[in-house]
C-alpha atoms as a PDB file:
ATOM      1  CA  UNK A   1      70.447  48.611  48.817  1.00  0.00           C
ATOM      2  CA  UNK A   2      74.124  48.342  48.697  1.00  0.00           C
ATOM      3  CA  UNK A   3      76.310  50.375  51.338  1.00  0.00           C
ATOM      4  CA  UNK A   4      77.277  52.671  48.094  1.00  0.00           C
ATOM      5  CA  UNK A   5      73.779  53.501  47.491  1.00  0.00           C
ATOM      6  CA  UNK A   6      73.075  54.230  51.179  1.00  0.00           C
ATOM      7  CA  UNK A   7      75.747  56.418  51.379  1.00  0.00           C
ATOM      8  CA  UNK A   8      74.820  57.925  48.177  1.00  0.00           C
ATOM      9  CA  UNK A   9      71.193  58.715  49.786  1.00  0.00           C
ATOM     10  CA  UNK A  10      72.766  59.653  52.714  1.00  0.00           C
ATOM     11  CA  UNK A  11      74.640  62.312  50.722  1.00  0.00           C
ATOM     12  CA  UNK A  12      71.673  63.734  48.799  1.00  0.00           C
ATOM     13  CA  UNK A  13      69.805  64.254  51.824  1.00  0.00           C
ATOM     14  CA  UNK A  14      72.352  66.117  53.987  1.00  0.00           C
ATOM     15  CA  UNK A  15      72.875  68.141  50.619  1.00  0.00           C
ATOM     16  CA  UNK A  16      69.645  69.040  50.529  1.00  0.00           C
ATOM     17  CA  UNK A  17      68.357  69.682  54.014  1.00  0.00           C
ATOM     18  CA  UNK A  18      71.681  71.559  54.698  1.00  0.00           C
ATOM     19  CA  UNK A  19      71.782  73.752  51.599  1.00  0.00           C
ATOM     20  CA  UNK A  20      68.083  74.470  52.150  1.00  0.00           C
ATOM     21  CA  UNK A  21      68.901  75.347  55.903  1.00  0.00           C
ATOM     22  CA  UNK A  22      71.756  77.120  55.827  1.00  0.00           C
ATOM     23  CA  UNK A  23      71.883  78.986  52.166  1.00  0.00           C
ATOM     24  CA  UNK A  24      67.788  78.920  51.604  1.00  0.00           C
ATOM     25  CA  UNK A  25      68.877  76.891  48.692  1.00  0.00           C
ATOM     26  CA  UNK A  26      66.541  74.681  47.240  1.00  0.00           C
ATOM     27  CA  UNK A  27      67.933  71.715  45.142  1.00  0.00           C
ATOM     28  CA  UNK A  28      66.992  68.820  42.863  1.00  0.00           C
ATOM     29  CA  UNK A  29      67.703  66.011  41.092  1.00  0.00           C
ATOM     30  CA  UNK A  30      66.921  67.981  37.605  1.00  0.00           C
ATOM     31  CA  UNK A  31      69.422  69.396  35.616  1.00  0.00           C
ATOM     32  CA  UNK A  32      71.800  69.002  32.602  1.00  0.00           C
ATOM     33  CA  UNK A  33      75.389  68.189  31.920  1.00  0.00           C
ATOM     34  CA  UNK A  34      77.354  71.158  33.000  1.00  0.00           C
ATOM     35  CA  UNK A  35      79.612  73.189  30.331  1.00  0.00           C
ATOM     36  CA  UNK A  36      83.011  72.378  30.882  1.00  0.00           C
ATOM     37  CA  UNK A  37      83.820  75.989  30.275  1.00  0.00           C
ATOM     38  CA  UNK A  38      82.668  77.185  33.613  1.00  0.00           C
ATOM     39  CA  UNK A  39      84.957  78.089  36.314  1.00  0.00           C
ATOM     40  CA  UNK A  40      84.640  75.582  39.356  1.00  0.00           C
ATOM     41  CA  UNK A  41      85.440  76.317  42.835  1.00  0.00           C
ATOM     42  CA  UNK A  42      85.626  73.322  45.457  1.00  0.00           C
ATOM     43  CA  UNK A  43      86.133  72.685  49.390  1.00  0.00           C
ATOM     44  CA  UNK A  44      87.148  69.128  50.955  1.00  0.00           C
ATOM     45  CA  UNK A  45      87.284  68.222  54.498  1.00  0.00           C
ATOM     46  CA  UNK A  46      88.417  65.183  56.138  1.00  0.00           C
ATOM     47  CA  UNK A  47      86.107  63.779  58.597  1.00  0.00           C
ATOM     48  CA  UNK A  48      88.022  61.065  61.139  1.00  0.00           C
ATOM     49  CA  UNK A  49      85.598  58.642  63.198  1.00  0.00           C
ATOM     50  CA  UNK A  50      87.329  56.278  64.994  1.00  0.00           C
ATOM     51  CA  UNK A  51      90.766  56.112  63.672  1.00  0.00           C
ATOM     52  CA  UNK A  52      89.238  55.907  59.978  1.00  0.00           C
ATOM     53  CA  UNK A  53      89.038  58.440  57.686  1.00  0.00           C
ATOM     54  CA  UNK A  54      87.378  59.776  54.987  1.00  0.00           C
ATOM     55  CA  UNK A  55      87.075  63.112  52.540  1.00  0.00           C
ATOM     56  CA  UNK A  56      84.029  64.734  51.350  1.00  0.00           C
ATOM     57  CA  UNK A  57      84.046  67.281  48.624  1.00  0.00           C
ATOM     58  CA  UNK A  58      81.761  69.779  47.644  1.00  0.00           C
ATOM     59  CA  UNK A  59      81.961  71.199  44.122  1.00  0.00           C
ATOM     60  CA  UNK A  60      79.993  74.088  42.224  1.00  0.00           C
ATOM     61  CA  UNK A  61      80.106  76.748  39.772  1.00  0.00           C
ATOM     62  CA  UNK A  62      81.415  80.127  41.126  1.00  0.00           C
ATOM     63  CA  UNK A  63      78.510  81.561  40.403  1.00  0.00           C
ATOM     64  CA  UNK A  64      76.784  79.070  42.595  1.00  0.00           C
ATOM     65  CA  UNK A  65      79.134  79.705  45.196  1.00  0.00           C
ATOM     66  CA  UNK A  66      78.455  83.698  44.627  1.00  0.00           C
ATOM     67  CA  UNK A  67      74.703  82.607  45.355  1.00  0.00           C
ATOM     68  CA  UNK A  68      75.603  80.782  48.527  1.00  0.00           C
ATOM     69  CA  UNK A  69      77.399  83.558  50.235  1.00  0.00           C
ATOM     70  CA  UNK A  70      74.725  86.483  49.103  1.00  0.00           C
ATOM     71  CA  UNK A  71      71.768  84.070  50.866  1.00  0.00           C
ATOM     72  CA  UNK A  72      74.103  83.418  54.002  1.00  0.00           C
ATOM     73  CA  UNK A  73      75.209  86.943  53.952  1.00  0.00           C
ATOM     74  CA  UNK A  74      71.549  88.284  53.004  1.00  0.00           C
ATOM     75  CA  UNK A  75      73.021  90.452  50.240  1.00  0.00           C
ATOM     76  CA  UNK A  76      72.704  90.620  46.664  1.00  0.00           C
ATOM     77  CA  UNK A  77      75.309  88.512  44.048  1.00  0.00           C
ATOM     78  CA  UNK A  78      76.723  91.498  43.121  1.00  0.00           C
ATOM     79  CA  UNK A  79      77.698  92.809  46.286  1.00  0.00           C
ATOM     80  CA  UNK A  80      81.633  93.462  46.586  1.00  0.00           C
ATOM     81  CA  UNK A  81      81.698  91.779  50.186  1.00  0.00           C
ATOM     82  CA  UNK A  82      79.758  88.867  48.419  1.00  0.00           C
ATOM     83  CA  UNK A  83      82.168  88.267  45.542  1.00  0.00           C
ATOM     84  CA  UNK A  84      85.396  88.260  48.371  1.00  0.00           C
ATOM     85  CA  UNK A  85      83.337  86.241  50.697  1.00  0.00           C
ATOM     86  CA  UNK A  86      82.167  83.406  47.963  1.00  0.00           C
ATOM     87  CA  UNK A  87      84.756  80.904  48.794  1.00  0.00           C
ATOM     88  CA  UNK A  88      84.572  81.462  52.493  1.00  0.00           C
ATOM     89  CA  UNK A  89      81.005  80.161  52.271  1.00  0.00           C
ATOM     90  CA  UNK A  90      81.636  77.236  50.699  1.00  0.00           C
ATOM     91  CA  UNK A  91      83.969  76.001  53.267  1.00  0.00           C
ATOM     92  CA  UNK A  92      81.400  77.070  55.433  1.00  0.00           C
ATOM     93  CA  UNK A  93      78.736  75.271  53.806  1.00  0.00           C
ATOM     94  CA  UNK A  94      80.892  72.243  53.620  1.00  0.00           C
ATOM     95  CA  UNK A  95      81.710  72.116  57.039  1.00  0.00           C
ATOM     96  CA  UNK A  96      77.617  72.362  58.172  1.00  0.00           C
ATOM     97  CA  UNK A  97      77.595  69.259  55.718  1.00  0.00           C
ATOM     98  CA  UNK A  98      80.152  67.346  57.289  1.00  0.00           C
ATOM     99  CA  UNK A  99      78.988  67.450  60.916  1.00  0.00           C
ATOM    100  CA  UNK A 100      75.600  66.350  59.845  1.00  0.00           C
ATOM    101  CA  UNK A 101      76.678  63.933  57.655  1.00  0.00           C
ATOM    102  CA  UNK A 102      78.959  62.548  60.646  1.00  0.00           C
ATOM    103  CA  UNK A 103      75.825  62.362  62.747  1.00  0.00           C
ATOM    104  CA  UNK A 104      73.633  60.659  60.264  1.00  0.00           C
ATOM    105  CA  UNK A 105      76.083  58.024  59.086  1.00  0.00           C
ATOM    106  CA  UNK A 106      78.233  57.369  62.161  1.00  0.00           C
ATOM    107  CA  UNK A 107      75.842  58.028  65.078  1.00  0.00           C
ATOM    108  CA  UNK A 108      75.543  60.450  67.998  1.00  0.00           C
ATOM    109  CA  UNK A 109      77.566  58.583  70.059  1.00  0.00           C
ATOM    110  CA  UNK A 110      80.382  58.450  67.642  1.00  0.00           C
ATOM    111  CA  UNK A 111      83.500  60.639  68.336  1.00  0.00           C
ATOM    112  CA  UNK A 112      84.124  62.160  64.766  1.00  0.00           C
ATOM    113  CA  UNK A 113      87.121  64.465  64.166  1.00  0.00           C
ATOM    114  CA  UNK A 114      86.038  66.932  61.134  1.00  0.00           C
ATOM    115  CA  UNK A 115      89.151  69.098  59.830  1.00  0.00           C
ATOM    116  CA  UNK A 116      89.398  72.414  58.584  1.00  0.00           C
ATOM    117  CA  UNK A 117      87.450  73.055  55.225  1.00  0.00           C
ATOM    118  CA  UNK A 118      90.336  73.506  52.165  1.00  0.00           C
ATOM    119  CA  UNK A 119      88.806  75.737  49.351  1.00  0.00           C
ATOM    120  CA  UNK A 120      90.308  76.068  46.026  1.00  0.00           C
ATOM    121  CA  UNK A 121      89.272  76.739  42.498  1.00  0.00           C
ATOM    122  CA  UNK A 122      88.836  73.955  39.709  1.00  0.00           C
ATOM    123  CA  UNK A 123      86.934  70.437  39.874  1.00  0.00           C
ATOM    124  CA  UNK A 124      89.217  69.090  42.900  1.00  0.00           C
ATOM    125  CA  UNK A 125      89.074  65.308  43.915  1.00  0.00           C
ATOM    126  CA  UNK A 126      87.234  62.799  42.284  1.00  0.00           C
ATOM    127  CA  UNK A 127      85.004  60.536  43.937  1.00  0.00           C
ATOM    128  CA  UNK A 128      81.142  58.974  44.534  1.00  0.00           C
ATOM    129  CA  UNK A 129      78.378  61.077  45.181  1.00  0.00           C
ATOM    130  CA  UNK A 130      75.177  63.331  44.454  1.00  0.00           C
ATOM    131  CA  UNK A 131      74.806  66.087  41.795  1.00  0.00           C
ATOM    132  CA  UNK A 132      71.505  67.817  42.503  1.00  0.00           C
ATOM    133  CA  UNK A 133      70.580  71.506  40.703  1.00  0.00           C
ATOM    134  CA  UNK A 134      69.449  74.869  41.278  1.00  0.00           C
ATOM    135  CA  UNK A 135      68.575  76.841  38.628  1.00  0.00           C
ATOM    136  CA  UNK A 136      70.092  75.038  36.316  1.00  0.00           C
ATOM    137  CA  UNK A 137      73.062  75.108  37.831  1.00  0.00           C
ATOM    138  CA  UNK A 138      75.093  71.869  39.326  1.00  0.00           C
ATOM    139  CA  UNK A 139      76.617  71.435  42.847  1.00  0.00           C
ATOM    140  CA  UNK A 140      77.823  67.856  43.808  1.00  0.00           C
ATOM    141  CA  UNK A 141      78.696  66.043  47.278  1.00  0.00           C
ATOM    142  CA  UNK A 142      81.266  63.485  47.070  1.00  0.00           C
ATOM    143  CA  UNK A 143      83.297  61.282  49.125  1.00  0.00           C
ATOM    144  CA  UNK A 144      86.451  60.911  47.647  1.00  0.00           C
ATOM    145  CA  UNK A 145      88.035  58.084  46.191  1.00  0.00           C
END
């Protein structure tokens, strides 16, 4: 197994486990290409272990972001508080993912600074990673290039 395959497997494992535990979102590898007209949101966060630096990107549709916010808040997807909290929920989910990824990749004994998640509209940075699906909507976790 190549380091790239190992990292992608680790990204998939961390994304699945964290989405399930933090957002009650069950992801799998089944899905089809996303509609290019769909509005996307992404979050980025920087990990800095032992003087190095890398960036993780979490990308999804705005509809998925609202679902995550609703699940995290225990509310309906159309609740005004959910709609206004969707971006914050994406950032928080990536923050949790980054912590789990840092421990899994670098070990518990390695100091790793984790930055503040930045959330914005659009595709965001490209990279290598995984795409998983929930109810036909994709969610991607990438290591930015």
